[in-house]
Amino acid sequence: MTTAADFLPFLIQVILAAGLAVLIVGISHLLGQRKQKSTAITDTAYECGVKSEGLVHTRFSVKFYVTAMLFILFDIEVVFLIPWAFIYRDFLANHISILAPIGFFFGVLVLGLFYEVKKGALDWEK
């Protein structure tokens, strides 16, 4: 049975984090630079002494975003694998097999990867 005292360290950490965030923003507001008046010259884009030409917001292909999301997905997979790798030996010592859940996890990932390859999400030429 959990009591309120069990959550005290978590509560202290949340309060400290929120307090630190408020303190940093407050100090930045007090000691930071003040914004000067906006003029036509200060609002123009400036890059390396050359006025910008063309579109300000270029359009990216949807392939770029799909590839970025797939990278993030397979990158987050490692976040789940590292703790599993660290505790695997402890579970083996207690005769508890955790290969089935990680096998299922890998199976779903591999099926998703095959699906994406089949749909051509990783083809840059299309």
C-alpha atoms as a PDB file:
ATOM      1  CA  MET A   1       0.000   0.000   0.000  1.00  0.00           C
ATOM      2  CA  THR A   2       1.409   3.325  -1.024  1.00  0.00           C
ATOM      3  CA  THR A   3       1.161   6.358   1.155  1.00  0.00           C
ATOM      4  CA  ALA A   4       1.622  10.041   0.532  1.00  0.00           C
ATOM      5  CA  ALA A   5       5.103   9.823   2.069  1.00  0.00           C
ATOM      6  CA  ASP A   6       6.156   7.505  -0.771  1.00  0.00           C
ATOM      7  CA  PHE A   7       5.584  10.314  -3.251  1.00  0.00           C
ATOM      8  CA  LEU A   8       7.445  12.951  -1.234  1.00  0.00           C
ATOM      9  CA  PRO A   9      10.782  12.631  -3.115  1.00  0.00           C
ATOM     10  CA  PHE A  10       8.959  12.960  -6.439  1.00  0.00           C
ATOM     11  CA  LEU A  11       7.007  15.962  -5.184  1.00  0.00           C
ATOM     12  CA  ILE A  12      10.195  17.633  -3.952  1.00  0.00           C
ATOM     13  CA  GLN A  13      11.856  17.067  -7.320  1.00  0.00           C
ATOM     14  CA  VAL A  14       8.874  18.530  -9.214  1.00  0.00           C
ATOM     15  CA  ILE A  15       8.811  21.572  -6.941  1.00  0.00           C
ATOM     16  CA  LEU A  16      12.558  22.105  -7.332  1.00  0.00           C
ATOM     17  CA  ALA A  17      12.356  21.758 -11.125  1.00  0.00           C
ATOM     18  CA  ALA A  18       9.434  24.183 -11.394  1.00  0.00           C
ATOM     19  CA  GLY A  19      11.114  26.625  -9.027  1.00  0.00           C
ATOM     20  CA  LEU A  20      14.359  26.479 -10.991  1.00  0.00           C
ATOM     21  CA  ALA A  21      12.500  27.085 -14.260  1.00  0.00           C
ATOM     22  CA  VAL A  22      10.690  30.105 -12.817  1.00  0.00           C
ATOM     23  CA  LEU A  23      13.946  31.418 -11.328  1.00  0.00           C
ATOM     24  CA  ILE A  24      15.835  31.115 -14.630  1.00  0.00           C
ATOM     25  CA  VAL A  25      13.069  32.810 -16.617  1.00  0.00           C
ATOM     26  CA  GLY A  26      12.770  35.554 -13.995  1.00  0.00           C
ATOM     27  CA  ILE A  27      16.501  36.279 -13.928  1.00  0.00           C
ATOM     28  CA  SER A  28      16.583  36.265 -17.733  1.00  0.00           C
ATOM     29  CA  HIS A  29      13.720  38.754 -17.797  1.00  0.00           C
ATOM     30  CA  LEU A  30      15.358  41.044 -15.236  1.00  0.00           C
ATOM     31  CA  LEU A  31      18.916  40.959 -16.560  1.00  0.00           C
ATOM     32  CA  GLY A  32      18.327  40.305 -20.263  1.00  0.00           C
ATOM     33  CA  GLN A  33      18.567  42.765 -23.102  1.00  0.00           C
ATOM     34  CA  ARG A  34      15.633  45.026 -23.690  1.00  0.00           C
ATOM     35  CA  LYS A  35      14.102  44.987 -27.139  1.00  0.00           C
ATOM     36  CA  GLN A  36      14.733  48.155 -29.065  1.00  0.00           C
ATOM     37  CA  LYS A  37      12.173  49.883 -31.237  1.00  0.00           C
ATOM     38  CA  SER A  38      11.368  48.043 -34.444  1.00  0.00           C
ATOM     39  CA  THR A  39      12.223  49.844 -37.644  1.00  0.00           C
ATOM     40  CA  ALA A  40      12.107  48.778 -41.261  1.00  0.00           C
ATOM     41  CA  ILE A  41      15.869  48.290 -41.238  1.00  0.00           C
ATOM     42  CA  THR A  42      15.993  46.206 -38.051  1.00  0.00           C
ATOM     43  CA  ASP A  43      13.115  43.979 -39.222  1.00  0.00           C
ATOM     44  CA  THR A  44      14.737  42.997 -42.528  1.00  0.00           C
ATOM     45  CA  ALA A  45      16.502  39.686 -42.915  1.00  0.00           C
ATOM     46  CA  TYR A  46      20.276  39.870 -43.026  1.00  0.00           C
ATOM     47  CA  GLU A  47      22.648  37.101 -43.926  1.00  0.00           C
ATOM     48  CA  CYS A  48      26.349  37.588 -44.546  1.00  0.00           C
ATOM     49  CA  GLY A  49      25.918  41.106 -45.884  1.00  0.00           C
ATOM     50  CA  VAL A  50      23.654  40.009 -48.736  1.00  0.00           C
ATOM     51  CA  LYS A  51      19.953  40.767 -48.923  1.00  0.00           C
ATOM     52  CA  SER A  52      17.860  37.624 -49.035  1.00  0.00           C
ATOM     53  CA  GLU A  53      16.206  36.707 -52.305  1.00  0.00           C
ATOM     54  CA  GLY A  54      13.510  34.247 -53.189  1.00  0.00           C
ATOM     55  CA  LEU A  55      11.003  32.552 -50.937  1.00  0.00           C
ATOM     56  CA  VAL A  56      11.394  33.016 -47.228  1.00  0.00           C
ATOM     57  CA  HIS A  57       9.781  29.674 -46.403  1.00  0.00           C
ATOM     58  CA  THR A  58      10.916  26.954 -48.769  1.00  0.00           C
ATOM     59  CA  ARG A  59       8.738  23.898 -49.191  1.00  0.00           C
ATOM     60  CA  PHE A  60      10.007  20.490 -48.187  1.00  0.00           C
ATOM     61  CA  SER A  61       8.903  17.215 -49.661  1.00  0.00           C
ATOM     62  CA  VAL A  62       6.696  14.953 -47.579  1.00  0.00           C
ATOM     63  CA  LYS A  63       9.420  12.301 -47.972  1.00  0.00           C
ATOM     64  CA  PHE A  64      11.666  14.436 -45.792  1.00  0.00           C
ATOM     65  CA  TYR A  65       9.150  14.404 -42.945  1.00  0.00           C
ATOM     66  CA  VAL A  66       8.383  10.690 -43.313  1.00  0.00           C
ATOM     67  CA  THR A  67      12.081   9.854 -43.205  1.00  0.00           C
ATOM     68  CA  ALA A  68      12.549  12.101 -40.165  1.00  0.00           C
ATOM     69  CA  MET A  69       9.652  10.414 -38.344  1.00  0.00           C
ATOM     70  CA  LEU A  70      11.025   6.957 -39.177  1.00  0.00           C
ATOM     71  CA  PHE A  71      14.438   7.981 -37.881  1.00  0.00           C
ATOM     72  CA  ILE A  72      12.889   9.211 -34.634  1.00  0.00           C
ATOM     73  CA  LEU A  73      10.852   6.012 -34.324  1.00  0.00           C
ATOM     74  CA  PHE A  74      13.861   3.739 -34.713  1.00  0.00           C
ATOM     75  CA  ASP A  75      15.938   6.038 -32.532  1.00  0.00           C
ATOM     76  CA  ILE A  76      13.395   5.805 -29.707  1.00  0.00           C
ATOM     77  CA  GLU A  77      13.566   2.026 -30.036  1.00  0.00           C
ATOM     78  CA  VAL A  78      17.075   2.200 -28.578  1.00  0.00           C
ATOM     79  CA  VAL A  79      15.681   3.976 -25.524  1.00  0.00           C
ATOM     80  CA  PHE A  80      13.674   0.827 -24.803  1.00  0.00           C
ATOM     81  CA  LEU A  81      16.495  -1.588 -25.657  1.00  0.00           C
ATOM     82  CA  ILE A  82      19.204  -0.144 -23.420  1.00  0.00           C
ATOM     83  CA  PRO A  83      17.358  -0.713 -20.112  1.00  0.00           C
ATOM     84  CA  TRP A  84      16.332  -4.158 -21.326  1.00  0.00           C
ATOM     85  CA  ALA A  85      19.970  -5.017 -22.016  1.00  0.00           C
ATOM     86  CA  PHE A  86      21.017  -3.857 -18.559  1.00  0.00           C
ATOM     87  CA  ILE A  87      18.423  -5.895 -16.679  1.00  0.00           C
ATOM     88  CA  TYR A  88      18.603  -9.014 -18.861  1.00  0.00           C
ATOM     89  CA  ARG A  89      21.300 -10.654 -16.709  1.00  0.00           C
ATOM     90  CA  ASP A  90      19.288 -10.031 -13.521  1.00  0.00           C
ATOM     91  CA  PHE A  91      16.244 -11.702 -15.020  1.00  0.00           C
ATOM     92  CA  LEU A  92      18.341 -14.658 -16.185  1.00  0.00           C
ATOM     93  CA  ALA A  93      19.702 -15.094 -12.654  1.00  0.00           C
ATOM     94  CA  ASN A  94      16.117 -15.344 -11.370  1.00  0.00           C
ATOM     95  CA  HIS A  95      15.150 -17.782 -14.168  1.00  0.00           C
ATOM     96  CA  ILE A  96      12.693 -15.333 -15.729  1.00  0.00           C
ATOM     97  CA  SER A  97      12.728 -15.240 -19.508  1.00  0.00           C
ATOM     98  CA  ILE A  98      12.212 -11.827 -21.019  1.00  0.00           C
ATOM     99  CA  LEU A  99      13.096 -12.831 -24.559  1.00  0.00           C
ATOM    100  CA  ALA A 100       9.462 -13.225 -25.622  1.00  0.00           C
ATOM    101  CA  PRO A 101       8.440  -9.593 -24.951  1.00  0.00           C
ATOM    102  CA  ILE A 102      11.534  -8.174 -26.630  1.00  0.00           C
ATOM    103  CA  GLY A 103      11.062 -10.618 -29.505  1.00  0.00           C
ATOM    104  CA  PHE A 104       7.519  -9.342 -29.947  1.00  0.00           C
ATOM    105  CA  PHE A 105       8.818  -5.761 -29.804  1.00  0.00           C
ATOM    106  CA  PHE A 106      11.405  -6.492 -32.493  1.00  0.00           C
ATOM    107  CA  GLY A 107       8.827  -8.350 -34.563  1.00  0.00           C
ATOM    108  CA  VAL A 108       6.498  -5.352 -34.615  1.00  0.00           C
ATOM    109  CA  LEU A 109       9.403  -3.059 -35.527  1.00  0.00           C
ATOM    110  CA  VAL A 110      10.588  -5.326 -38.333  1.00  0.00           C
ATOM    111  CA  LEU A 111       7.051  -5.668 -39.696  1.00  0.00           C
ATOM    112  CA  GLY A 112       6.732  -1.873 -39.643  1.00  0.00           C
ATOM    113  CA  LEU A 113      10.058  -1.508 -41.425  1.00  0.00           C
ATOM    114  CA  PHE A 114       9.061  -4.003 -44.134  1.00  0.00           C
ATOM    115  CA  TYR A 115       5.767  -2.163 -44.544  1.00  0.00           C
ATOM    116  CA  GLU A 116       7.581   1.152 -44.992  1.00  0.00           C
ATOM    117  CA  VAL A 117      10.013  -0.355 -47.511  1.00  0.00           C
ATOM    118  CA  LYS A 118       7.105  -1.926 -49.413  1.00  0.00           C
ATOM    119  CA  LYS A 119       5.281   1.407 -49.529  1.00  0.00           C
ATOM    120  CA  GLY A 120       8.442   3.108 -50.805  1.00  0.00           C
ATOM    121  CA  ALA A 121       8.860   5.473 -47.858  1.00  0.00           C
ATOM    122  CA  LEU A 122      12.653   5.116 -48.032  1.00  0.00           C
ATOM    123  CA  ASP A 123      12.960   5.623 -51.805  1.00  0.00           C
ATOM    124  CA  TRP A 124      14.461   9.034 -52.479  1.00  0.00           C
ATOM    125  CA  GLU A 125      14.124   8.732 -56.253  1.00  0.00           C
ATOM    126  CA  LYS A 126      10.316   8.727 -56.346  1.00  0.00           C
END
